[in-house]
């Protein structure tokens, strides 16, 4: 989790999942605000690094933050139980405007 240091506005976000990734959710103060679901890459790129395509999103209605809000992300994976590695990784990024208030 991350604590927002000052008031701001989330204007876009995105992320990355590895193989078997199903979804990536953005969470604010314990409430799921937005979720991406894995898609077929529209550019038809071959998956050479075993990653899952999820598009970035510019929000139609920006999400406001107040100083002290807690944000987090949750990745969901459906991988075989006997897969040789026990964990999975996801990455999320946020584009936050702290200047325009």
Protein backbone atom coordinates (compact mmCIF):
# COMPACT_ATOMS: atom_id res chain seq x y z
CA UNK A 1 0.00 0.00 0.00
CA UNK A 2 0.96 3.63 -0.52
CA UNK A 3 -0.23 6.67 1.46
CA UNK A 4 -0.99 9.70 -0.71
CA UNK A 5 1.23 12.60 0.50
CA UNK A 6 -1.04 15.44 -0.67
CA UNK A 7 -4.33 16.06 -2.48
CA UNK A 8 -4.27 15.05 -6.15
CA UNK A 9 -6.12 13.47 -9.05
CA UNK A 10 -5.53 10.14 -10.78
CA UNK A 11 -5.86 10.79 -14.51
CA UNK A 12 -4.50 7.52 -15.96
CA UNK A 13 -3.14 4.16 -14.91
CA UNK A 14 -1.99 0.85 -16.29
CA UNK A 15 0.10 -2.19 -15.51
CA UNK A 16 1.71 -5.44 -16.48
CA UNK A 17 1.09 -9.07 -15.56
CA UNK A 18 3.09 -12.19 -16.30
CA UNK A 19 1.82 -15.44 -17.78
CA UNK A 20 -1.41 -16.75 -16.15
CA UNK A 21 -2.35 -13.20 -15.08
CA UNK A 22 -6.11 -12.59 -15.15
CA UNK A 23 -6.67 -9.09 -13.75
CA UNK A 24 -5.14 -6.05 -12.06
CA UNK A 25 -7.26 -3.88 -9.76
CA UNK A 26 -6.67 -0.35 -8.44
CA UNK A 27 -7.82 0.07 -4.82
CA UNK A 28 -8.42 3.30 -2.88
CA UNK A 29 -9.07 3.14 0.87
CA UNK A 30 -10.01 -0.53 0.61
CA UNK A 31 -12.51 -0.03 -2.24
CA UNK A 32 -11.88 -1.38 -5.74
CA UNK A 33 -12.03 1.66 -8.06
CA UNK A 34 -11.10 0.17 -11.44
CA UNK A 35 -9.98 -3.19 -12.85
CA UNK A 36 -8.15 -4.33 -15.96
CA UNK A 37 -8.67 -7.79 -17.39
CA UNK A 38 -6.11 -9.55 -19.57
CA UNK A 39 -6.77 -9.21 -23.32
CA UNK A 40 -5.37 -10.44 -26.58
CA UNK A 41 -2.74 -7.96 -27.76
CA UNK A 42 -4.42 -5.92 -30.55
CA UNK A 43 -1.06 -5.47 -32.29
CA UNK A 44 -0.73 -9.25 -32.66
CA UNK A 45 2.70 -9.23 -31.03
CA UNK A 46 4.22 -12.58 -30.21
CA UNK A 47 4.63 -13.13 -26.49
CA UNK A 48 8.38 -13.62 -26.18
CA UNK A 49 8.73 -12.60 -22.52
CA UNK A 50 5.72 -14.52 -21.17
CA UNK A 51 3.81 -11.38 -20.33
CA UNK A 52 0.06 -10.72 -20.47
CA UNK A 53 -1.33 -7.70 -22.33
CA UNK A 54 -3.40 -5.15 -20.43
CA UNK A 55 -4.00 -1.71 -21.92
CA UNK A 56 -3.41 1.60 -20.16
CA UNK A 57 -6.45 3.67 -19.33
CA UNK A 58 -7.00 7.44 -19.34
CA UNK A 59 -9.93 7.92 -17.00
CA UNK A 60 -13.08 9.62 -18.34
CA UNK A 61 -13.82 10.71 -14.78
CA UNK A 62 -10.58 11.27 -12.83
CA UNK A 63 -10.36 9.84 -9.31
CA UNK A 64 -9.65 12.42 -6.59
CA UNK A 65 -7.27 11.76 -3.71
CA UNK A 66 -7.02 13.44 -0.34
CA UNK A 67 -3.82 13.56 1.69
CA UNK A 68 -3.67 10.33 3.70
CA UNK A 69 -5.73 8.19 1.30
CA UNK A 70 -4.33 4.66 1.01
CA UNK A 71 -3.94 3.19 -2.46
CA UNK A 72 -3.04 -0.35 -3.45
CA UNK A 73 -3.23 -2.80 -6.35
CA UNK A 74 -4.33 -6.42 -6.49
CA UNK A 75 -3.23 -8.89 -9.18
CA UNK A 76 -5.13 -12.13 -9.77
CA UNK A 77 -3.43 -15.15 -11.31
CA UNK A 78 -4.75 -18.55 -12.35
CA UNK A 79 -1.67 -20.70 -12.66
CA UNK A 80 -1.27 -24.46 -12.35
CA UNK A 81 -0.65 -25.58 -8.76
CA UNK A 82 2.29 -27.72 -9.87
CA UNK A 83 4.07 -24.88 -11.66
CA UNK A 84 7.74 -24.82 -10.60
CA UNK A 85 7.62 -21.31 -9.10
CA UNK A 86 5.30 -20.60 -6.16
CA UNK A 87 4.62 -16.88 -6.71
CA UNK A 88 3.70 -14.38 -9.41
CA UNK A 89 4.49 -10.71 -10.10
CA UNK A 90 2.52 -7.72 -11.30
CA UNK A 91 3.41 -4.09 -11.86
CA UNK A 92 1.08 -1.12 -11.78
CA UNK A 93 1.67 2.53 -12.55
CA UNK A 94 -0.38 5.63 -11.78
CA UNK A 95 -0.36 9.05 -13.42
CA UNK A 96 -1.33 11.45 -10.63
CA UNK A 97 -1.72 15.22 -11.00
CA UNK A 98 -0.67 16.91 -7.76
CA UNK A 99 -0.54 20.41 -9.30
CA UNK A 100 -4.05 21.21 -10.59
CA UNK A 101 -6.45 21.69 -7.70
